């Protein structure tokens, strides 16, 4: 991240090579649209490029920060799309079906893996994570919906994400 902060394009390309599929998978899961997910993925890495100094290693792992940026970007994009849709626009999916299919394959695989890992969590943690990340609810909205204290909701999400991170890293290490 120090290299990206110094505007090193090679470092950004390496970050994209490592996390691009995962970021795309998350944005696709939120947006359910290949074109929007690709745009949100690009926006995520653009934000990382511009805001590299905001990442603090003492506060958590780079992947967690990156996926948080991706999630917020996807939710922002979803809200933007819900406010305005332009009829008659040709999507990237129509103009580049092979590339779109390839990215969807990665998203599907990562999405299936994520769902498999979520099923390994206690149901209360898995449910809280699904509502927060896939439905875009804030912690406050979650607490209201689940009729739980805000601290309990945050703890469930934090603990579940920590478990997911460990399991995800184990699987990624096995694949590499």
Protein backbone atom coordinates (compact mmCIF):
# COMPACT_ATOMS: atom_id res chain seq x y z
CA UNK A 1 0.00 0.00 0.00
CA UNK A 2 2.93 2.32 0.54
CA UNK A 3 3.82 1.91 -3.12
CA UNK A 4 0.25 2.62 -4.19
CA UNK A 5 0.22 5.69 -1.97
CA UNK A 6 3.27 6.86 -3.97
CA UNK A 7 1.22 6.33 -7.18
CA UNK A 8 3.09 3.17 -8.24
CA UNK A 9 0.91 1.71 -11.01
CA UNK A 10 2.67 -1.66 -10.89
CA UNK A 11 1.72 -2.02 -7.22
CA UNK A 12 -1.92 -1.26 -8.07
CA UNK A 13 -1.81 -3.84 -10.87
CA UNK A 14 -0.46 -6.42 -8.41
CA UNK A 15 -3.19 -5.58 -5.92
CA UNK A 16 -5.79 -5.96 -8.67
CA UNK A 17 -4.29 -9.28 -9.77
CA UNK A 18 -4.53 -10.57 -6.23
CA UNK A 19 -7.93 -9.22 -5.20
CA UNK A 20 -9.75 -8.31 -8.42
CA UNK A 21 -11.78 -11.53 -8.61
CA UNK A 22 -12.77 -11.33 -4.95
CA UNK A 23 -13.81 -7.69 -5.24
CA UNK A 24 -15.77 -8.46 -8.41
CA UNK A 25 -17.45 -11.41 -6.72
CA UNK A 26 -18.59 -9.23 -3.83
CA UNK A 27 -19.82 -6.42 -6.06
CA UNK A 28 -21.63 -8.90 -8.30
CA UNK A 29 -23.31 -10.49 -5.28
CA UNK A 30 -24.60 -7.09 -4.16
CA UNK A 31 -25.53 -5.75 -7.60
CA UNK A 32 -26.63 -8.93 -9.43
CA UNK A 33 -25.50 -7.37 -12.71
CA UNK A 34 -22.25 -8.02 -14.56
CA UNK A 35 -21.87 -4.54 -16.00
CA UNK A 36 -22.57 -2.78 -12.72
CA UNK A 37 -20.27 -5.17 -10.85
CA UNK A 38 -17.44 -4.49 -13.31
CA UNK A 39 -17.95 -0.75 -12.90
CA UNK A 40 -18.08 -1.04 -9.11
CA UNK A 41 -14.89 -3.12 -9.17
CA UNK A 42 -13.13 -0.45 -11.23
CA UNK A 43 -14.47 2.26 -8.94
CA UNK A 44 -13.20 0.34 -5.92
CA UNK A 45 -9.63 0.17 -7.22
CA UNK A 46 -9.80 3.82 -8.29
CA UNK A 47 -10.82 4.75 -4.73
CA UNK A 48 -7.95 2.64 -3.35
CA UNK A 49 -5.57 4.47 -5.73
CA UNK A 50 -6.81 7.86 -4.57
CA UNK A 51 -7.20 6.99 -0.88
CA UNK A 52 -4.31 4.62 -0.21
CA UNK A 53 -3.23 6.76 2.73
CA UNK A 54 -6.54 5.98 4.49
CA UNK A 55 -5.62 2.33 5.05
CA UNK A 56 -4.16 1.73 8.51
CA UNK A 57 -2.46 -1.63 9.05
CA UNK A 58 -3.04 -1.28 12.79
CA UNK A 59 -6.80 -1.31 12.24
CA UNK A 60 -6.98 -4.48 10.20
CA UNK A 61 -5.96 -6.44 7.18
CA UNK A 62 -5.69 -4.88 3.74
CA UNK A 63 -8.18 -7.38 2.30
CA UNK A 64 -10.78 -6.40 4.90
CA UNK A 65 -10.37 -2.71 4.13
CA UNK A 66 -10.47 -3.36 0.39
CA UNK A 67 -13.66 -5.44 0.65
CA UNK A 68 -15.25 -2.78 2.84
CA UNK A 69 -14.48 -0.18 0.16
CA UNK A 70 -15.91 -2.57 -2.45
CA UNK A 71 -19.07 -3.19 -0.44
CA UNK A 72 -19.72 0.51 0.08
CA UNK A 73 -19.01 1.20 -3.59
CA UNK A 74 -21.45 -1.52 -4.68
CA UNK A 75 -24.15 -0.29 -2.31
CA UNK A 76 -23.67 3.28 -3.56
CA UNK A 77 -23.94 2.02 -7.14
CA UNK A 78 -27.08 0.04 -6.28
CA UNK A 79 -28.71 3.08 -4.73
CA UNK A 80 -27.71 5.19 -7.73
CA UNK A 81 -29.24 2.64 -10.12
CA UNK A 82 -32.43 2.47 -8.07
CA UNK A 83 -32.79 6.24 -8.38
CA UNK A 84 -32.30 6.38 -12.11
CA UNK A 85 -32.31 3.83 -14.86
CA UNK A 86 -31.71 4.79 -18.45
CA UNK A 87 -33.88 2.81 -20.89
CA UNK A 88 -32.36 1.58 -24.14
CA UNK A 89 -28.70 1.50 -23.08
CA UNK A 90 -26.61 -1.35 -24.41
CA UNK A 91 -24.85 -3.20 -21.66
CA UNK A 92 -21.27 -4.41 -21.67
CA UNK A 93 -22.69 -7.91 -21.37
CA UNK A 94 -24.26 -7.51 -24.82
CA UNK A 95 -21.12 -6.14 -26.45
CA UNK A 96 -18.62 -8.52 -24.81
CA UNK A 97 -20.43 -11.76 -23.95
CA UNK A 98 -17.29 -13.92 -23.56
CA UNK A 99 -15.59 -11.58 -21.09
CA UNK A 100 -18.82 -11.18 -19.15
CA UNK A 101 -19.33 -14.94 -19.03
CA UNK A 102 -15.75 -15.45 -17.83
CA UNK A 103 -16.17 -12.92 -15.00
CA UNK A 104 -19.53 -14.43 -14.08
CA UNK A 105 -17.86 -17.83 -13.82
CA UNK A 106 -15.36 -16.46 -11.30
CA UNK A 107 -18.09 -14.64 -9.42
CA UNK A 108 -20.22 -17.77 -9.30
CA UNK A 109 -17.34 -19.88 -8.03
CA UNK A 110 -16.33 -17.35 -5.36
CA UNK A 111 -19.97 -16.80 -4.46
CA UNK A 112 -20.50 -20.53 -4.02
CA UNK A 113 -17.39 -20.74 -1.87
CA UNK A 114 -18.56 -17.81 0.24
CA UNK A 115 -21.99 -19.39 0.74
CA UNK A 116 -20.35 -22.64 1.71
CA UNK A 117 -18.22 -20.83 4.28
CA UNK A 118 -21.24 -18.88 5.56
CA UNK A 119 -23.07 -22.17 6.20
CA UNK A 120 -20.21 -23.18 8.49
CA UNK A 121 -20.85 -20.18 10.74
CA UNK A 122 -23.36 -20.16 13.56
CA UNK A 123 -26.74 -19.15 12.05
CA UNK A 124 -26.96 -15.84 13.94
CA UNK A 125 -23.57 -14.71 12.60
CA UNK A 126 -24.27 -15.88 9.05
CA UNK A 127 -27.68 -14.15 9.00
CA UNK A 128 -26.24 -10.85 10.25
CA UNK A 129 -23.46 -10.94 7.64
CA UNK A 130 -25.88 -11.76 4.83
CA UNK A 131 -28.18 -8.89 5.76
CA UNK A 132 -25.29 -6.44 6.10
CA UNK A 133 -23.28 -7.36 3.05
CA UNK A 134 -25.78 -8.77 0.59
CA UNK A 135 -28.82 -6.66 1.40
CA UNK A 136 -26.82 -3.56 2.27
CA UNK A 137 -28.36 -2.94 5.69
CA UNK A 138 -26.49 -0.73 8.12
CA UNK A 139 -25.72 -1.99 11.59
CA UNK A 140 -28.49 0.20 12.98
CA UNK A 141 -31.01 -1.13 10.45
CA UNK A 142 -29.92 -4.67 11.32
CA UNK A 143 -30.37 -4.07 15.03
CA UNK A 144 -33.87 -2.74 14.39
CA UNK A 145 -34.85 -5.59 12.08
CA UNK A 146 -33.45 -8.30 14.35
CA UNK A 147 -34.67 -6.56 17.53
CA UNK A 148 -31.19 -6.80 19.06
CA UNK A 149 -28.86 -4.32 20.71
CA UNK A 150 -26.51 -2.59 18.27
CA UNK A 151 -23.47 -3.98 20.09
CA UNK A 152 -24.73 -7.54 19.65
CA UNK A 153 -25.21 -7.04 15.92
CA UNK A 154 -21.72 -5.57 15.56
CA UNK A 155 -20.19 -8.41 17.57
CA UNK A 156 -21.95 -11.06 15.47
CA UNK A 157 -20.74 -9.50 12.25
CA UNK A 158 -17.19 -8.95 13.50
CA UNK A 159 -16.85 -12.48 14.89
CA UNK A 160 -18.38 -14.04 11.78
CA UNK A 161 -16.12 -12.04 9.46
CA UNK A 162 -13.06 -13.06 11.44
CA UNK A 163 -14.02 -16.72 11.04
CA UNK A 164 -14.77 -16.25 7.35
CA UNK A 165 -11.41 -14.55 6.82
CA UNK A 166 -9.52 -17.44 8.39
CA UNK A 167 -11.38 -20.07 6.37
CA UNK A 168 -11.12 -18.06 3.14
CA UNK A 169 -7.35 -17.60 3.58
CA UNK A 170 -6.89 -21.31 4.23
CA UNK A 171 -8.69 -22.15 0.99
CA UNK A 172 -6.82 -19.52 -1.04
CA UNK A 173 -3.49 -20.79 0.28
CA UNK A 174 -4.43 -24.33 -0.72
CA UNK A 175 -5.25 -23.14 -4.25
CA UNK A 176 -1.96 -21.27 -4.64
